[in-house]
């Protein structure tokens, strides 16, 4: 199955904000169903189910199909399936992008910490005496944030690479082959 792009708009988020509509999508993920079957499964009124199905159909996640009988069956569209079962490579790309962004942010924070100019400021005067000059650098929080972002980013990148490698290894063997 070819990956399907889902365009996320304000209207799409409004449609997906309903717990009932999400439950309908998950239920239709198993098989196509009529309004009556959905109403019985979800213990809701048919009019409520019909309203939610109409919103899902308008968003392009559900389609109604007639099979020549009196019943109208609702099923997920390719966009609806992609919403519930994202393509495996998408998850890996998201992990990798998040990891690289964290790494870049961490490196920038560390570079900012290390290249911060050292200023000399005087300590407040003691009773009856002057203050001593003390070097002042970048805040330590910048160092902590940089190290944390580098560690998180590195972890995400490693995890994404391991997931990709495992996906490729598993994909190379037939389903009935035992891997030792």
C-alpha atoms as a PDB file:
ATOM      1  CA  UNK A   1       0.000   0.000   0.000  1.00  0.00           C
ATOM      2  CA  UNK A   2       1.379   3.373  -1.036  1.00  0.00           C
ATOM      3  CA  UNK A   3       1.787   5.853   1.853  1.00  0.00           C
ATOM      4  CA  UNK A   4      -0.931   8.516   1.918  1.00  0.00           C
ATOM      5  CA  UNK A   5      -0.279  12.107   2.920  1.00  0.00           C
ATOM      6  CA  UNK A   6      -2.737  13.539   5.410  1.00  0.00           C
ATOM      7  CA  UNK A   7      -3.168  17.291   5.308  1.00  0.00           C
ATOM      8  CA  UNK A   8      -3.689  18.534   8.842  1.00  0.00           C
ATOM      9  CA  UNK A   9      -5.820  21.667   8.860  1.00  0.00           C
ATOM     10  CA  UNK A  10      -7.820  23.389  11.554  1.00  0.00           C
ATOM     11  CA  UNK A  11     -10.927  21.535  10.355  1.00  0.00           C
ATOM     12  CA  UNK A  12      -9.112  18.192  10.465  1.00  0.00           C
ATOM     13  CA  UNK A  13      -8.072  18.798  14.060  1.00  0.00           C
ATOM     14  CA  UNK A  14     -11.649  19.747  14.953  1.00  0.00           C
ATOM     15  CA  UNK A  15     -12.937  16.494  13.447  1.00  0.00           C
ATOM     16  CA  UNK A  16     -10.303  14.438  15.279  1.00  0.00           C
ATOM     17  CA  UNK A  17     -10.877  16.250  18.587  1.00  0.00           C
ATOM     18  CA  UNK A  18     -13.977  14.153  19.300  1.00  0.00           C
ATOM     19  CA  UNK A  19     -13.420  10.967  21.303  1.00  0.00           C
ATOM     20  CA  UNK A  20     -16.549   9.474  19.687  1.00  0.00           C
ATOM     21  CA  UNK A  21     -15.208  10.061  16.171  1.00  0.00           C
ATOM     22  CA  UNK A  22     -11.865   8.512  17.117  1.00  0.00           C
ATOM     23  CA  UNK A  23     -13.697   5.484  18.509  1.00  0.00           C
ATOM     24  CA  UNK A  24     -15.701   5.207  15.281  1.00  0.00           C
ATOM     25  CA  UNK A  25     -12.483   5.301  13.243  1.00  0.00           C
ATOM     26  CA  UNK A  26     -10.916   2.578  15.394  1.00  0.00           C
ATOM     27  CA  UNK A  27     -14.058   0.448  15.103  1.00  0.00           C
ATOM     28  CA  UNK A  28     -14.169   0.830  11.321  1.00  0.00           C
ATOM     29  CA  UNK A  29     -10.511  -0.175  11.203  1.00  0.00           C
ATOM     30  CA  UNK A  30     -11.609  -3.774  11.838  1.00  0.00           C
ATOM     31  CA  UNK A  31     -14.285  -3.934   9.097  1.00  0.00           C
ATOM     32  CA  UNK A  32     -16.908  -1.889   7.287  1.00  0.00           C
ATOM     33  CA  UNK A  33     -20.123  -1.365   9.206  1.00  0.00           C
ATOM     34  CA  UNK A  34     -23.595   0.149   8.968  1.00  0.00           C
ATOM     35  CA  UNK A  35     -24.896   2.948  11.177  1.00  0.00           C
ATOM     36  CA  UNK A  36     -26.957   0.407  13.120  1.00  0.00           C
ATOM     37  CA  UNK A  37     -23.943  -1.857  13.736  1.00  0.00           C
ATOM     38  CA  UNK A  38     -21.859   1.081  14.910  1.00  0.00           C
ATOM     39  CA  UNK A  39     -24.675   2.335  17.158  1.00  0.00           C
ATOM     40  CA  UNK A  40     -25.005  -1.115  18.740  1.00  0.00           C
ATOM     41  CA  UNK A  41     -21.233  -1.560  19.169  1.00  0.00           C
ATOM     42  CA  UNK A  42     -20.711   1.899  20.684  1.00  0.00           C
ATOM     43  CA  UNK A  43     -24.002   2.042  22.575  1.00  0.00           C
ATOM     44  CA  UNK A  44     -24.983   5.365  21.006  1.00  0.00           C
ATOM     45  CA  UNK A  45     -28.042   6.625  19.153  1.00  0.00           C
ATOM     46  CA  UNK A  46     -28.127   6.126  15.395  1.00  0.00           C
ATOM     47  CA  UNK A  47     -28.577   9.873  14.879  1.00  0.00           C
ATOM     48  CA  UNK A  48     -25.409  10.542  16.901  1.00  0.00           C
ATOM     49  CA  UNK A  49     -23.443   7.983  14.887  1.00  0.00           C
ATOM     50  CA  UNK A  50     -24.807   9.391  11.632  1.00  0.00           C
ATOM     51  CA  UNK A  51     -23.763  12.932  12.610  1.00  0.00           C
ATOM     52  CA  UNK A  52     -20.219  11.811  13.484  1.00  0.00           C
ATOM     53  CA  UNK A  53     -19.934   9.706  10.320  1.00  0.00           C
ATOM     54  CA  UNK A  54     -20.958  12.729   8.255  1.00  0.00           C
ATOM     55  CA  UNK A  55     -18.187  14.819   9.847  1.00  0.00           C
ATOM     56  CA  UNK A  56     -15.653  12.040   9.228  1.00  0.00           C
ATOM     57  CA  UNK A  57     -16.820  11.674   5.618  1.00  0.00           C
ATOM     58  CA  UNK A  58     -16.560  15.432   5.042  1.00  0.00           C
ATOM     59  CA  UNK A  59     -12.968  15.275   6.327  1.00  0.00           C
ATOM     60  CA  UNK A  60     -12.207  12.381   3.948  1.00  0.00           C
ATOM     61  CA  UNK A  61     -11.544   9.717   6.584  1.00  0.00           C
ATOM     62  CA  UNK A  62     -14.690   7.640   6.003  1.00  0.00           C
ATOM     63  CA  UNK A  63     -16.683   6.809   2.869  1.00  0.00           C
ATOM     64  CA  UNK A  64     -20.187   5.423   2.478  1.00  0.00           C
ATOM     65  CA  UNK A  65     -20.699   2.589   0.045  1.00  0.00           C
ATOM     66  CA  UNK A  66     -23.856   0.862  -1.045  1.00  0.00           C
ATOM     67  CA  UNK A  67     -23.722  -2.802  -1.951  1.00  0.00           C
ATOM     68  CA  UNK A  68     -27.001  -2.877  -3.897  1.00  0.00           C
ATOM     69  CA  UNK A  69     -29.102  -3.553  -0.820  1.00  0.00           C
ATOM     70  CA  UNK A  70     -30.953  -1.242   1.524  1.00  0.00           C
ATOM     71  CA  UNK A  71     -27.935  -0.864   3.819  1.00  0.00           C
ATOM     72  CA  UNK A  72     -25.209   1.706   3.555  1.00  0.00           C
ATOM     73  CA  UNK A  73     -21.845   0.485   4.776  1.00  0.00           C
ATOM     74  CA  UNK A  74     -19.198   2.883   6.052  1.00  0.00           C
ATOM     75  CA  UNK A  75     -15.520   2.095   5.665  1.00  0.00           C
ATOM     76  CA  UNK A  76     -12.221   3.877   6.172  1.00  0.00           C
ATOM     77  CA  UNK A  77     -10.707   5.676   3.206  1.00  0.00           C
ATOM     78  CA  UNK A  78      -6.963   5.355   2.542  1.00  0.00           C
ATOM     79  CA  UNK A  79      -6.533   8.609   4.504  1.00  0.00           C
ATOM     80  CA  UNK A  80      -8.463   7.136   7.427  1.00  0.00           C
ATOM     81  CA  UNK A  81      -6.307   4.012   7.387  1.00  0.00           C
ATOM     82  CA  UNK A  82      -3.133   6.083   7.189  1.00  0.00           C
ATOM     83  CA  UNK A  83      -4.308   8.063  10.195  1.00  0.00           C
ATOM     84  CA  UNK A  84      -4.663   4.918  12.302  1.00  0.00           C
ATOM     85  CA  UNK A  85      -1.763   2.970  10.813  1.00  0.00           C
ATOM     86  CA  UNK A  86       0.985   5.388   9.844  1.00  0.00           C
ATOM     87  CA  UNK A  87       3.602   4.058   7.506  1.00  0.00           C
ATOM     88  CA  UNK A  88       6.479   2.588   9.542  1.00  0.00           C
ATOM     89  CA  UNK A  89       9.089   4.739   7.834  1.00  0.00           C
ATOM     90  CA  UNK A  90       7.278   7.877   8.934  1.00  0.00           C
ATOM     91  CA  UNK A  91       7.855   7.063  12.598  1.00  0.00           C
ATOM     92  CA  UNK A  92      11.544   6.499  11.986  1.00  0.00           C
ATOM     93  CA  UNK A  93      11.845   9.774  10.067  1.00  0.00           C
ATOM     94  CA  UNK A  94      10.074  11.669  12.859  1.00  0.00           C
ATOM     95  CA  UNK A  95      12.389  10.133  15.473  1.00  0.00           C
ATOM     96  CA  UNK A  96      15.433  10.908  13.373  1.00  0.00           C
ATOM     97  CA  UNK A  97      14.338  14.503  12.730  1.00  0.00           C
ATOM     98  CA  UNK A  98      13.599  15.085  16.420  1.00  0.00           C
ATOM     99  CA  UNK A  99      16.947  13.582  17.373  1.00  0.00           C
ATOM    100  CA  UNK A 100      18.889  15.681  14.889  1.00  0.00           C
ATOM    101  CA  UNK A 101      17.045  18.832  15.966  1.00  0.00           C
ATOM    102  CA  UNK A 102      17.874  18.077  19.621  1.00  0.00           C
ATOM    103  CA  UNK A 103      21.489  17.418  18.737  1.00  0.00           C
ATOM    104  CA  UNK A 104      21.716  20.692  16.815  1.00  0.00           C
ATOM    105  CA  UNK A 105      20.123  22.618  19.681  1.00  0.00           C
ATOM    106  CA  UNK A 106      22.469  20.994  22.169  1.00  0.00           C
ATOM    107  CA  UNK A 107      25.543  21.760  20.082  1.00  0.00           C
ATOM    108  CA  UNK A 108      24.412  25.390  19.703  1.00  0.00           C
ATOM    109  CA  UNK A 109      23.835  25.697  23.458  1.00  0.00           C
ATOM    110  CA  UNK A 110      27.267  24.210  24.199  1.00  0.00           C
ATOM    111  CA  UNK A 111      28.913  26.485  21.631  1.00  0.00           C
ATOM    112  CA  UNK A 112      27.175  29.494  23.155  1.00  0.00           C
ATOM    113  CA  UNK A 113      28.367  28.463  26.597  1.00  0.00           C
ATOM    114  CA  UNK A 114      31.954  27.884  25.493  1.00  0.00           C
ATOM    115  CA  UNK A 115      32.241  31.056  23.418  1.00  0.00           C
ATOM    116  CA  UNK A 116      30.550  33.405  25.869  1.00  0.00           C
ATOM    117  CA  UNK A 117      32.815  36.337  26.600  1.00  0.00           C
ATOM    118  CA  UNK A 118      34.315  36.430  30.040  1.00  0.00           C
ATOM    119  CA  UNK A 119      33.525  39.676  31.732  1.00  0.00           C
ATOM    120  CA  UNK A 120      35.062  40.935  34.867  1.00  0.00           C
ATOM    121  CA  UNK A 121      32.782  42.425  37.401  1.00  0.00           C
ATOM    122  CA  UNK A 122      33.513  43.594  40.873  1.00  0.00           C
ATOM    123  CA  UNK A 123      32.152  41.888  43.934  1.00  0.00           C
ATOM    124  CA  UNK A 124      30.038  44.115  46.100  1.00  0.00           C
ATOM    125  CA  UNK A 125      32.239  46.095  48.424  1.00  0.00           C
ATOM    126  CA  UNK A 126      32.865  44.596  51.798  1.00  0.00           C
ATOM    127  CA  UNK A 127      32.489  46.669  54.887  1.00  0.00           C
ATOM    128  CA  UNK A 128      35.217  49.219  54.593  1.00  0.00           C
ATOM    129  CA  UNK A 129      36.946  47.719  51.534  1.00  0.00           C
ATOM    130  CA  UNK A 130      36.707  47.452  47.767  1.00  0.00           C
ATOM    131  CA  UNK A 131      35.544  44.450  45.790  1.00  0.00           C
ATOM    132  CA  UNK A 132      37.769  42.020  43.930  1.00  0.00           C
ATOM    133  CA  UNK A 133      37.329  41.498  40.178  1.00  0.00           C
ATOM    134  CA  UNK A 134      35.707  38.122  39.445  1.00  0.00           C
ATOM    135  CA  UNK A 135      35.382  36.621  35.956  1.00  0.00           C
ATOM    136  CA  UNK A 136      31.773  36.172  34.868  1.00  0.00           C
ATOM    137  CA  UNK A 137      30.862  33.784  32.051  1.00  0.00           C
ATOM    138  CA  UNK A 138      27.796  32.251  30.512  1.00  0.00           C
ATOM    139  CA  UNK A 139      25.160  30.840  32.865  1.00  0.00           C
ATOM    140  CA  UNK A 140      25.651  27.233  33.923  1.00  0.00           C
ATOM    141  CA  UNK A 141      22.051  26.505  32.851  1.00  0.00           C
ATOM    142  CA  UNK A 142      23.201  26.876  29.239  1.00  0.00           C
ATOM    143  CA  UNK A 143      25.777  24.129  29.789  1.00  0.00           C
ATOM    144  CA  UNK A 144      23.207  21.856  31.450  1.00  0.00           C
ATOM    145  CA  UNK A 145      20.651  22.430  28.669  1.00  0.00           C
ATOM    146  CA  UNK A 146      23.281  21.791  25.998  1.00  0.00           C
ATOM    147  CA  UNK A 147      24.437  18.529  27.539  1.00  0.00           C
ATOM    148  CA  UNK A 148      20.834  17.370  28.073  1.00  0.00           C
ATOM    149  CA  UNK A 149      19.857  18.158  24.468  1.00  0.00           C
ATOM    150  CA  UNK A 150      22.925  16.387  23.091  1.00  0.00           C
ATOM    151  CA  UNK A 151      22.185  13.294  25.188  1.00  0.00           C
ATOM    152  CA  UNK A 152      18.492  13.257  24.239  1.00  0.00           C
ATOM    153  CA  UNK A 153      19.249  13.911  20.576  1.00  0.00           C
ATOM    154  CA  UNK A 154      21.942  11.251  20.482  1.00  0.00           C
ATOM    155  CA  UNK A 155      19.597   8.760  22.127  1.00  0.00           C
ATOM    156  CA  UNK A 156      16.822   9.496  19.620  1.00  0.00           C
ATOM    157  CA  UNK A 157      19.167   9.181  16.641  1.00  0.00           C
ATOM    158  CA  UNK A 158      20.559   5.876  17.921  1.00  0.00           C
ATOM    159  CA  UNK A 159      17.015   4.589  18.616  1.00  0.00           C
ATOM    160  CA  UNK A 160      15.852   5.603  15.116  1.00  0.00           C
ATOM    161  CA  UNK A 161      18.850   3.866  13.523  1.00  0.00           C
ATOM    162  CA  UNK A 162      18.253   0.695  15.545  1.00  0.00           C
ATOM    163  CA  UNK A 163      14.540   0.723  14.601  1.00  0.00           C
ATOM    164  CA  UNK A 164      15.473   1.178  10.934  1.00  0.00           C
ATOM    165  CA  UNK A 165      18.029  -1.618  11.066  1.00  0.00           C
ATOM    166  CA  UNK A 166      15.570  -3.966  12.816  1.00  0.00           C
ATOM    167  CA  UNK A 167      12.868  -3.100  10.299  1.00  0.00           C
ATOM    168  CA  UNK A 168      15.224  -3.895   7.409  1.00  0.00           C
ATOM    169  CA  UNK A 169      16.402  -7.150   9.001  1.00  0.00           C
ATOM    170  CA  UNK A 170      12.859  -8.315   9.761  1.00  0.00           C
ATOM    171  CA  UNK A 171      11.745  -7.333   6.269  1.00  0.00           C
ATOM    172  CA  UNK A 172      14.424  -9.513   4.683  1.00  0.00           C
ATOM    173  CA  UNK A 173      13.034 -12.800   6.085  1.00  0.00           C
ATOM    174  CA  UNK A 174       9.803 -14.510   5.056  1.00  0.00           C
ATOM    175  CA  UNK A 175       7.120 -14.640   7.761  1.00  0.00           C
ATOM    176  CA  UNK A 176       7.470 -18.402   8.352  1.00  0.00           C
ATOM    177  CA  UNK A 177      11.288 -18.364   8.701  1.00  0.00           C
ATOM    178  CA  UNK A 178      12.629 -18.690  12.212  1.00  0.00           C
ATOM    179  CA  UNK A 179      15.337 -16.194  13.081  1.00  0.00           C
ATOM    180  CA  UNK A 180      17.937 -17.391  15.606  1.00  0.00           C
END
